[in-house]
Protein backbone atom coordinates (compact mmCIF):
# COMPACT_ATOMS: atom_id res chain seq x y z
CA MET A 1 33.06 26.84 -0.56
CA ARG A 2 35.87 25.89 1.78
CA ASP A 3 37.13 22.52 3.00
CA VAL A 4 35.07 20.91 5.75
CA GLU A 5 37.03 21.27 8.98
CA ALA A 6 35.99 21.37 12.62
CA PRO A 7 35.80 24.85 14.10
CA PRO A 8 38.91 25.72 16.12
CA VAL A 9 36.80 26.90 19.09
CA GLY A 10 33.25 26.64 20.34
CA ASP A 11 30.62 23.95 20.69
CA ASP A 12 28.70 24.50 17.45
CA TRP A 13 29.80 23.26 14.03
CA LEU A 14 27.38 24.76 11.51
CA GLU A 15 28.26 24.40 7.86
CA LEU A 16 27.02 24.30 4.30
CA THR A 17 29.50 22.82 1.85
CA ASP A 18 29.86 21.28 -1.57
CA GLU A 19 32.49 18.88 -0.22
CA GLU A 20 32.00 15.35 1.11
CA LEU A 21 30.76 15.42 4.71
CA PRO A 22 33.33 14.10 7.22
CA VAL A 23 30.98 11.90 9.23
CA GLY A 24 33.66 10.27 11.41
CA THR A 25 35.42 13.57 12.06
CA VAL A 26 32.17 15.22 13.15
CA TYR A 27 31.50 12.37 15.57
CA GLN A 28 34.99 12.62 17.07
CA TRP A 29 34.66 16.41 17.39
CA ALA A 30 31.40 16.01 19.36
CA VAL A 31 32.94 13.74 22.01
CA ARG A 32 33.60 15.62 25.26
CA PRO A 33 34.71 14.32 28.67
CA ASP A 34 31.51 15.61 30.29
CA CYS A 35 29.20 14.04 27.69
CA GLY A 36 28.46 10.33 27.89
CA ALA A 37 26.15 10.31 24.87
CA VAL A 38 26.79 11.22 21.25
CA VAL A 39 23.96 10.82 18.76
CA LEU A 40 24.83 11.03 15.07
CA PHE A 41 22.29 11.18 12.28
CA SER A 42 23.46 10.92 8.69
CA GLY A 43 20.93 11.34 5.92
CA THR A 44 22.07 9.39 2.87
CA ILE A 45 20.88 9.38 -0.71
CA ARG A 46 18.65 6.35 -1.31
CA ASP A 47 17.66 4.68 -4.58
CA HIS A 48 13.98 5.61 -4.34
CA ALA A 49 11.65 8.40 -3.29
CA GLU A 50 7.93 8.54 -2.73
CA GLY A 51 6.39 6.95 -5.82
CA ARG A 52 9.74 6.84 -7.65
CA ASP A 53 12.07 3.91 -8.10
CA GLY A 54 15.51 4.07 -9.64
CA VAL A 55 16.71 7.38 -8.16
CA GLU A 56 20.14 7.95 -9.69
CA HIS A 57 21.26 11.14 -8.02
CA LEU A 58 20.13 14.31 -6.27
CA THR A 59 21.33 17.86 -6.62
CA TYR A 60 20.98 20.12 -3.60
CA GLU A 61 20.74 23.89 -3.90
CA ALA A 62 20.60 26.37 -1.05
CA TYR A 63 20.16 30.01 -0.21
CA ASP A 64 23.78 30.05 0.93
CA GLU A 65 23.66 33.36 2.79
CA GLN A 66 20.83 32.16 5.04
CA VAL A 67 21.56 28.50 5.75
CA VAL A 68 24.20 28.83 8.47
CA ALA A 69 22.17 31.57 10.18
CA ARG A 70 19.18 29.20 10.19
CA PHE A 71 21.38 26.43 11.59
CA GLY A 72 22.42 28.86 14.33
CA ALA A 73 18.79 29.54 15.22
CA ILE A 74 18.16 25.79 15.43
CA SER A 75 21.16 25.29 17.72
CA GLU A 76 20.09 28.21 19.91
CA GLU A 77 16.57 26.82 20.29
CA LEU A 78 17.94 23.33 20.90
CA ARG A 79 20.18 24.61 23.71
CA MET A 80 17.25 26.42 25.32
CA ARG A 81 15.19 23.20 25.31
CA TRP A 82 18.06 20.89 26.37
CA PRO A 83 20.49 23.08 28.36
CA THR A 84 22.84 20.19 29.20
CA VAL A 85 23.78 19.60 25.55
CA GLY A 86 27.53 19.76 24.92
CA ARG A 87 28.27 20.00 21.21
CA VAL A 88 25.98 20.46 18.21
CA ALA A 89 26.91 19.88 14.58
CA LEU A 90 24.63 20.67 11.65
CA LEU A 91 26.24 20.14 8.26
CA HIS A 92 24.56 19.95 4.87
CA ARG A 93 26.00 19.32 1.48
CA THR A 94 25.11 21.00 -1.81
CA GLY A 95 25.74 19.93 -5.37
CA ARG A 96 25.33 16.56 -7.06
CA LEU A 97 25.22 13.51 -4.77
CA VAL A 98 24.81 9.87 -5.73
CA VAL A 99 23.14 6.97 -3.94
CA GLY A 100 24.91 6.19 -0.66
CA GLU A 101 26.47 9.63 -0.08
CA SER A 102 25.61 11.68 3.03
CA SER A 103 23.70 14.86 2.33
CA VAL A 104 23.19 15.95 5.94
CA VAL A 105 24.84 15.19 9.26
CA VAL A 106 23.47 16.13 12.68
CA VAL A 107 25.45 15.31 15.80
CA VAL A 108 24.55 16.15 19.40
CA SER A 109 26.49 15.28 22.53
CA ALA A 110 25.07 15.48 26.04
CA PRO A 111 25.78 14.03 29.47
CA HIS A 112 22.96 11.48 29.08
CA ARG A 113 21.26 9.74 26.15
CA PRO A 114 17.68 11.07 26.51
CA ALA A 115 18.75 14.66 25.93
CA ALA A 116 21.14 13.68 23.12
CA PHE A 117 18.46 11.65 21.28
CA GLU A 118 15.70 14.22 21.76
CA ALA A 119 17.90 17.17 20.77
CA ALA A 120 19.26 15.39 17.69
CA ARG A 121 15.72 14.50 16.57
CA PHE A 122 14.65 18.12 17.04
CA ALA A 123 17.70 19.34 15.12
CA ILE A 124 17.18 17.20 12.02
CA ASP A 125 13.43 17.88 11.96
CA ALA A 126 13.97 21.63 12.34
CA LEU A 127 16.69 21.63 9.70
CA LYS A 128 14.54 19.74 7.19
CA GLU A 129 11.57 22.00 7.85
CA SER A 130 13.21 25.40 8.13
CA ALA A 131 16.53 25.55 6.27
CA PRO A 132 16.38 27.07 2.76
CA ILE A 133 17.77 23.97 1.02
CA TRP A 134 16.11 22.27 -1.95
CA LYS A 135 16.74 19.00 -3.76
CA HIS A 136 16.33 18.04 -7.39
CA GLU A 137 15.86 14.30 -7.94
CA VAL A 138 16.84 12.41 -11.06
CA TRP A 139 15.50 8.88 -11.52
CA SER A 140 15.41 6.36 -14.34
CA THR A 141 12.33 7.81 -16.05
CA GLY A 142 12.44 11.51 -15.18
CA ALA A 143 13.47 14.33 -12.89
CA ASP A 144 11.77 16.81 -10.59
CA TRP A 145 12.23 18.88 -7.48
CA GLY A 146 11.84 16.90 -4.25
CA THR A 147 8.38 16.44 -2.82
CA GLY A 148 7.18 17.57 0.57
CA ALA A 149 8.72 21.04 0.53
CA ALA A 150 7.45 23.21 3.38
CA PRO A 151 7.59 26.95 3.85
CA ILE A 152 10.52 28.18 5.92
CA ARG A 153 9.51 28.47 9.59
CA ASP A 154 11.16 29.79 12.68
CA ALA A 155 13.05 26.99 14.46
CA SER A 156 11.38 27.84 17.79
CA ALA A 157 7.96 26.98 16.32
CA ILE A 158 9.05 23.48 15.25
CA GLY A 159 8.16 20.75 17.69
CA ALA A 160 6.37 23.21 19.98
CA ALA A 161 3.31 20.96 20.16
CA GLU A 162 5.31 17.86 21.09
């Protein structure tokens, strides 16, 4: 995989990488003069999971050829629902991550905070539900694949009942 760098053009930054996620850089990239709100979500590795204490690390695997395309579908649906959105960043990391590291970053900028918050919430929920990315957890007394895996769904179907 390549270094994590902002795209030279465009308003979408969609990336799967095995490198550390540049949280501050993604935030700065999302700032635009016409957008007064930037919402950043960073999912970090925590020291526990449902029913498991002492999580030591996670390893993320992905269907590399499909992830960015899925991110694109999420961004497209997001822009249809919130047409005033400025920039959208969806970045996910693969490989071994330890407690405290960011595994996923979602950033949305918009002229006003309601659209930025709502669109960012949609983006992370759609990503978690529809992107072909899996985690393997290792904790003090064992290891297993992450719980709560859902079948891959079309991004347009996520949040439709909200």
